[in-house]
């Protein structure tokens, strides 16, 4: 799998053995990771912080269209930002569906024409084009800075994901604005607090355990380092962005673990795992790029500088 090509996780609520292979093949061919869940576990999965791009729902999932309607309504209540794409038996239309189901489904397809599903996936998940150079560069920049802040830990990462949900991951996060002529938005880094404190305590030179102030300092340092490298490599002169004063409010609901950036645009998500090989303990960092204000990938430029500057900055080593 191309690590620079983002994938997206989709929840497949379809118990038809007749169409299972076609759906699986479609996922494999279209950068989707299909996930199944038992019906009684669906509410728990929807309340979790699993990052999803969409839900593929069968018209008669659960045995009837009435049951599918009830499930779709439940999904809409718990994760309204997730697009629900309906597999129908005969026609890829929403016109004759029950009102409640029609109000929660964004598109429909039939198994005999997966091209309709492809169009829906392109529109609702892969609607933003992320240049390969940008995706690759983010991983390179972040890996290097993680190694600087968390020394002697092994850094690994998953294939980048496109997510549509707006669920907060963990208890602590940092947020910093990104502004240039071709993009405006935010970078967010999230983590569970206790595993991160454990890792910081391991690296403390003093005897006492790390506390939340140490955590805040390290996460802030990491965020600033990544932002600085990202700015130098991709953002260039932000004067053009500063001329645009359009802003949208951020909304955070801690009780519901929900954060909104004022846009329904999908987010580019990276997950990094920092592992202490001696103890086997690890911490996961969730990094997201949310281009909710401006996104013009056709104007994207990568400033990699000359070789001497890259060597001096530590990005390259002479062979």
Protein backbone atom coordinates (compact mmCIF):
# COMPACT_ATOMS: atom_id res chain seq x y z
CA UNK A 1 0.00 0.00 0.00
CA UNK A 2 1.25 3.51 -0.89
CA UNK A 3 1.92 5.15 2.49
CA UNK A 4 1.49 8.58 0.87
CA UNK A 5 -2.04 7.78 -0.35
CA UNK A 6 -4.56 8.38 2.45
CA UNK A 7 -7.11 5.71 3.20
CA UNK A 8 -10.43 5.96 5.03
CA UNK A 9 -12.19 3.61 7.41
CA UNK A 10 -15.82 2.83 6.57
CA UNK A 11 -18.26 0.94 8.75
CA UNK A 12 -20.05 -1.70 6.64
CA UNK A 13 -23.54 -2.46 7.96
CA UNK A 14 -24.51 -5.05 5.38
CA UNK A 15 -25.14 -8.71 6.23
CA UNK A 16 -25.74 -9.89 2.66
CA UNK A 17 -23.38 -12.74 1.82
CA UNK A 18 -24.33 -12.30 -1.84
CA UNK A 19 -22.79 -8.82 -2.03
CA UNK A 20 -20.05 -9.13 0.60
CA UNK A 21 -17.29 -10.00 -1.86
CA UNK A 22 -18.16 -7.12 -4.22
CA UNK A 23 -18.12 -4.62 -1.35
CA UNK A 24 -14.82 -5.99 -0.04
CA UNK A 25 -13.27 -5.78 -3.49
CA UNK A 26 -14.54 -2.22 -3.87
CA UNK A 27 -12.94 -1.23 -0.57
CA UNK A 28 -9.62 -2.83 -1.52
CA UNK A 29 -9.58 -1.03 -4.87
CA UNK A 30 -10.61 2.39 -3.55
CA UNK A 31 -8.37 3.03 -0.52
CA UNK A 32 -11.06 2.07 1.98
CA UNK A 33 -10.69 -0.07 5.09
CA UNK A 34 -14.01 -1.84 5.62
CA UNK A 35 -14.97 -2.59 9.24
CA UNK A 36 -17.77 -4.86 10.45
CA UNK A 37 -19.54 -4.73 13.80
CA UNK A 38 -22.13 -6.87 15.56
CA UNK A 39 -25.51 -5.15 15.69
CA UNK A 40 -25.68 -5.07 19.48
CA UNK A 41 -22.22 -3.44 19.61
CA UNK A 42 -23.02 -0.68 17.12
CA UNK A 43 -23.97 2.01 19.71
CA UNK A 44 -20.74 1.36 21.66
CA UNK A 45 -18.65 1.64 18.48
CA UNK A 46 -20.35 4.88 17.47
CA UNK A 47 -19.66 6.34 20.92
CA UNK A 48 -15.98 5.36 20.74
CA UNK A 49 -13.23 7.53 19.28
CA UNK A 50 -12.68 5.30 16.25
CA UNK A 51 -12.03 7.56 13.26
CA UNK A 52 -14.43 6.92 10.37
CA UNK A 53 -15.02 8.37 6.92
CA UNK A 54 -18.49 7.00 6.17
CA UNK A 55 -21.02 4.25 6.83
CA UNK A 56 -22.19 1.81 4.15
CA UNK A 57 -25.70 0.71 5.13
CA UNK A 58 -27.83 -1.94 3.41
CA UNK A 59 -31.48 -1.12 2.73
CA UNK A 60 -32.67 -4.15 4.69
CA UNK A 61 -29.92 -4.31 7.31
CA UNK A 62 -31.45 -5.88 10.41
CA UNK A 63 -34.13 -7.65 8.38
CA UNK A 64 -36.32 -4.80 7.14
CA UNK A 65 -36.27 -1.24 5.88
CA UNK A 66 -37.94 -0.20 9.16
CA UNK A 67 -34.97 -1.60 11.10
CA UNK A 68 -32.52 0.11 8.72
CA UNK A 69 -34.37 3.37 9.29
CA UNK A 70 -34.09 2.96 13.06
CA UNK A 71 -30.36 2.24 12.77
CA UNK A 72 -29.76 5.20 10.46
CA UNK A 73 -31.64 7.47 12.87
CA UNK A 74 -29.45 6.21 15.73
CA UNK A 75 -26.31 6.87 13.69
CA UNK A 76 -27.49 10.39 12.89
CA UNK A 77 -28.08 11.09 16.58
CA UNK A 78 -24.66 9.82 17.71
CA UNK A 79 -22.44 10.81 14.75
CA UNK A 80 -24.34 13.28 12.54
CA UNK A 81 -21.17 14.29 10.68
CA UNK A 82 -20.74 10.80 9.15
CA UNK A 83 -22.17 10.35 5.64
CA UNK A 84 -24.45 7.29 5.37
CA UNK A 85 -24.49 5.67 1.92
CA UNK A 86 -27.35 3.23 1.30
CA UNK A 87 -27.17 0.05 -0.79
CA UNK A 88 -30.55 -0.45 -2.46
CA UNK A 89 -31.97 -3.49 -4.22
CA UNK A 90 -33.14 -1.99 -7.51
CA UNK A 91 -32.63 1.76 -8.09
CA UNK A 92 -29.97 4.10 -6.63
CA UNK A 93 -32.55 6.69 -5.62
CA UNK A 94 -33.68 8.20 -2.32
CA UNK A 95 -37.08 9.39 -3.56
CA UNK A 96 -39.20 6.45 -2.39
CA UNK A 97 -37.55 5.94 1.00
CA UNK A 98 -39.35 6.55 4.31
CA UNK A 99 -39.01 10.21 5.29
CA UNK A 100 -36.88 9.44 8.36
CA UNK A 101 -34.42 7.34 6.33
CA UNK A 102 -34.26 9.82 3.47
CA UNK A 103 -33.36 12.53 5.93
CA UNK A 104 -30.29 10.66 7.24
CA UNK A 105 -28.87 9.14 4.03
CA UNK A 106 -26.70 11.21 1.70
CA UNK A 107 -26.54 8.88 -1.33
CA UNK A 108 -27.62 5.48 -2.64
CA UNK A 109 -26.14 2.82 -4.91
CA UNK A 110 -26.90 -0.66 -6.23
CA UNK A 111 -24.45 -3.55 -6.23
CA UNK A 112 -24.72 -3.95 -10.00
CA UNK A 113 -23.29 -0.43 -10.50
CA UNK A 114 -20.48 0.29 -8.08
CA UNK A 115 -19.62 3.39 -10.08
CA UNK A 116 -22.43 5.17 -8.23
CA UNK A 117 -20.78 4.24 -4.93
CA UNK A 118 -17.44 5.48 -6.25
CA UNK A 119 -18.97 8.89 -7.02
CA UNK A 120 -20.41 9.09 -3.50
CA UNK A 121 -17.06 8.13 -1.94
CA UNK A 122 -15.27 10.75 -4.04
CA UNK A 123 -17.77 13.43 -3.00
CA UNK A 124 -18.18 12.69 0.70
CA UNK A 125 -14.78 11.22 1.71
CA UNK A 126 -12.11 12.06 -0.84
CA UNK A 127 -13.50 15.47 -1.73
CA UNK A 128 -10.21 17.23 -0.91
CA UNK A 129 -7.12 16.40 -2.95
CA UNK A 130 -4.04 16.04 -0.71
CA UNK A 131 -0.80 16.18 -2.75
CA UNK A 132 1.49 13.19 -2.17
CA UNK A 133 4.39 15.53 -1.39
CA UNK A 134 2.36 17.10 1.42
CA UNK A 135 1.31 13.77 2.96
CA UNK A 136 4.85 12.37 2.73
CA UNK A 137 6.38 15.54 4.10
CA UNK A 138 4.09 15.69 7.12
CA UNK A 139 5.16 12.18 8.15
CA UNK A 140 8.84 13.01 7.65
CA UNK A 141 8.63 16.26 9.60
CA UNK A 142 6.64 14.76 12.46
CA UNK A 143 8.80 11.64 12.79
CA UNK A 144 11.93 13.80 13.04
CA UNK A 145 10.46 16.08 15.72
CA UNK A 146 9.02 13.20 17.72
CA UNK A 147 12.49 11.69 17.83
CA UNK A 148 13.86 14.97 19.16
CA UNK A 149 11.27 15.42 21.93
CA UNK A 150 10.91 11.73 22.90
CA UNK A 151 14.43 10.36 22.74
CA UNK A 152 15.18 6.61 22.75
CA UNK A 153 11.59 5.74 21.78
CA UNK A 154 10.71 3.88 18.60
CA UNK A 155 8.43 5.87 16.29
CA UNK A 156 6.03 4.13 13.92
CA UNK A 157 2.90 5.30 12.14
CA UNK A 158 -0.14 4.03 10.29
CA UNK A 159 -1.18 4.88 6.75
CA UNK A 160 -2.72 8.39 6.83
CA UNK A 161 -6.53 8.43 7.00
CA UNK A 162 -9.30 10.68 5.77
CA UNK A 163 -11.87 11.08 8.54
CA UNK A 164 -15.24 12.82 8.67
CA UNK A 165 -16.01 12.42 12.36
CA UNK A 166 -15.42 15.19 14.88
CA UNK A 167 -14.72 13.11 17.97
CA UNK A 168 -12.00 14.22 20.38
CA UNK A 169 -9.27 11.60 20.81
CA UNK A 170 -7.96 11.36 24.39
CA UNK A 171 -7.94 13.98 27.13
CA UNK A 172 -5.28 16.44 25.98
CA UNK A 173 -4.70 18.21 22.69
CA UNK A 174 -2.80 21.12 21.20
CA UNK A 175 -4.09 23.31 18.41
CA UNK A 176 -2.24 25.73 16.13
CA UNK A 177 -3.37 27.75 13.10
CA UNK A 178 -1.99 27.18 9.59
CA UNK A 179 -2.22 30.08 7.14
CA UNK A 180 -0.87 30.57 3.64
CA UNK A 181 -2.00 31.65 0.20
CA UNK A 182 -3.15 28.08 -0.59
CA UNK A 183 -4.51 26.86 2.76
CA UNK A 184 -5.98 28.06 6.03
CA UNK A 185 -6.91 25.80 8.88
CA UNK A 186 -5.44 24.06 11.90
CA UNK A 187 -3.10 21.32 13.03
CA UNK A 188 -4.22 19.40 16.09
CA UNK A 189 -2.28 16.82 18.11
CA UNK A 190 -4.23 14.66 20.59
CA UNK A 191 -3.31 11.95 23.10
CA UNK A 192 -4.49 10.04 26.14
CA UNK A 193 -3.01 11.74 29.17
CA UNK A 194 -1.76 8.87 31.36
CA UNK A 195 0.28 6.94 28.75
CA UNK A 196 1.93 10.20 27.73
CA UNK A 197 2.73 11.05 31.37
CA UNK A 198 4.23 7.57 31.80
CA UNK A 199 6.54 8.12 28.83
CA UNK A 200 7.59 11.54 30.09
CA UNK A 201 8.27 10.16 33.57
CA UNK A 202 10.56 7.57 31.99
CA UNK A 203 12.64 10.35 30.47
CA UNK A 204 12.70 12.65 33.50
CA UNK A 205 16.18 13.36 34.86
CA UNK A 206 14.77 14.14 38.29
CA UNK A 207 13.31 11.45 40.54
CA UNK A 208 9.72 12.71 40.73
CA UNK A 209 7.13 11.65 38.17
CA UNK A 210 6.10 13.96 35.36
CA UNK A 211 2.94 16.00 35.91
CA UNK A 212 0.49 17.76 33.63
CA UNK A 213 2.75 20.82 33.42
CA UNK A 214 5.55 18.67 31.99
CA UNK A 215 3.04 17.18 29.57
CA UNK A 216 1.82 20.62 28.49
CA UNK A 217 5.39 21.80 27.98
CA UNK A 218 6.41 18.76 25.89
CA UNK A 219 3.27 18.78 23.76
CA UNK A 220 3.63 22.52 23.21
CA UNK A 221 7.28 22.13 22.23
CA UNK A 222 6.42 19.31 19.81
CA UNK A 223 3.59 21.32 18.24
CA UNK A 224 5.78 24.38 17.76
CA UNK A 225 8.60 22.35 16.22
CA UNK A 226 6.28 20.62 13.74
CA UNK A 227 4.53 23.89 12.93
CA UNK A 228 7.84 25.66 12.34
CA UNK A 229 9.10 23.00 9.94
CA UNK A 230 5.70 22.80 8.21
CA UNK A 231 5.66 26.59 7.81
CA UNK A 232 9.17 26.71 6.34
CA UNK A 233 8.49 23.87 3.93
CA UNK A 234 4.93 24.55 2.80
CA UNK A 235 3.37 27.81 3.97
CA UNK A 236 5.84 30.37 2.64
CA UNK A 237 4.73 33.99 2.89
CA UNK A 238 1.47 34.16 4.81
CA UNK A 239 0.77 37.79 3.86
CA UNK A 240 -1.83 36.73 1.31
CA UNK A 241 -3.65 34.72 3.95
CA UNK A 242 -3.56 37.59 6.43
CA UNK A 243 -5.53 39.75 4.00
CA UNK A 244 -8.48 37.38 4.36
CA UNK A 245 -10.23 38.04 7.65
CA UNK A 246 -12.94 35.38 7.35
CA UNK A 247 -13.11 33.31 10.54
CA UNK A 248 -15.43 30.64 11.91
CA UNK A 249 -15.88 29.75 15.58
CA UNK A 250 -14.44 26.57 17.06
CA UNK A 251 -16.93 24.63 19.15
CA UNK A 252 -15.81 22.14 21.81
CA UNK A 253 -18.16 19.99 23.89
CA UNK A 254 -16.04 18.07 26.39
CA UNK A 255 -18.92 15.97 27.72
CA UNK A 256 -19.70 14.65 24.24
CA UNK A 257 -15.98 14.54 23.23
CA UNK A 258 -16.91 16.66 20.22
CA UNK A 259 -15.00 19.40 18.40
CA UNK A 260 -16.16 21.36 15.37
CA UNK A 261 -14.06 23.62 13.17
CA UNK A 262 -17.06 25.20 11.46
CA UNK A 263 -16.73 23.08 8.34
CA UNK A 264 -17.84 19.69 7.10
CA UNK A 265 -14.57 19.18 5.20
CA UNK A 266 -12.89 15.82 5.85
CA UNK A 267 -9.72 15.85 7.95
CA UNK A 268 -6.29 14.42 7.16
CA UNK A 269 -5.34 12.19 10.10
CA UNK A 270 -1.97 10.64 11.06
CA UNK A 271 -1.49 8.25 13.98
CA UNK A 272 1.97 7.79 15.50
CA UNK A 273 2.97 5.17 18.05
CA UNK A 274 5.86 5.88 20.44
CA UNK A 275 7.11 2.63 21.95
CA UNK A 276 9.50 1.94 24.79
CA UNK A 277 11.08 -1.28 23.51
CA UNK A 278 12.40 -2.23 26.96
CA UNK A 279 9.01 -2.22 28.70
CA UNK A 280 6.69 -2.60 25.72
CA UNK A 281 4.69 0.43 26.82
CA UNK A 282 3.51 2.81 24.13
CA UNK A 283 1.52 5.97 23.55
CA UNK A 284 -0.49 6.93 20.46
CA UNK A 285 -0.50 10.49 19.13
CA UNK A 286 -3.36 11.50 16.84
CA UNK A 287 -2.36 14.32 14.46
CA UNK A 288 -4.97 16.01 12.31
CA UNK A 289 -4.88 18.68 9.63
CA UNK A 290 -8.15 20.54 9.23
CA UNK A 291 -8.29 22.87 6.22
CA UNK A 292 -11.63 24.43 7.09
CA UNK A 293 -11.13 28.00 5.86
CA UNK A 294 -9.17 27.83 2.59
CA UNK A 295 -7.99 24.86 0.52
CA UNK A 296 -6.44 25.36 -2.95
CA UNK A 297 -4.15 22.38 -3.65
CA UNK A 298 -3.59 23.61 -7.20
CA UNK A 299 -1.52 26.42 -5.64
CA UNK A 300 0.42 24.09 -3.34
CA UNK A 301 4.19 24.52 -3.44
CA UNK A 302 6.91 22.64 -1.59
CA UNK A 303 9.95 24.65 -0.59
CA UNK A 304 12.68 22.07 -0.01
CA UNK A 305 15.54 24.57 -0.41
CA UNK A 306 19.03 23.67 -1.56
CA UNK A 307 21.03 20.66 -0.39
CA UNK A 308 23.37 22.66 1.85
CA UNK A 309 20.45 24.21 3.75
CA UNK A 310 18.82 20.81 4.23
CA UNK A 311 22.04 19.30 5.53
CA UNK A 312 22.52 22.20 7.92
CA UNK A 313 18.95 21.83 9.19
CA UNK A 314 19.45 18.12 9.84
CA UNK A 315 16.95 17.03 7.18
CA UNK A 316 19.71 15.38 5.09
CA UNK A 317 22.97 13.65 5.94
CA UNK A 318 25.92 13.47 3.57
CA UNK A 319 26.64 9.91 2.45
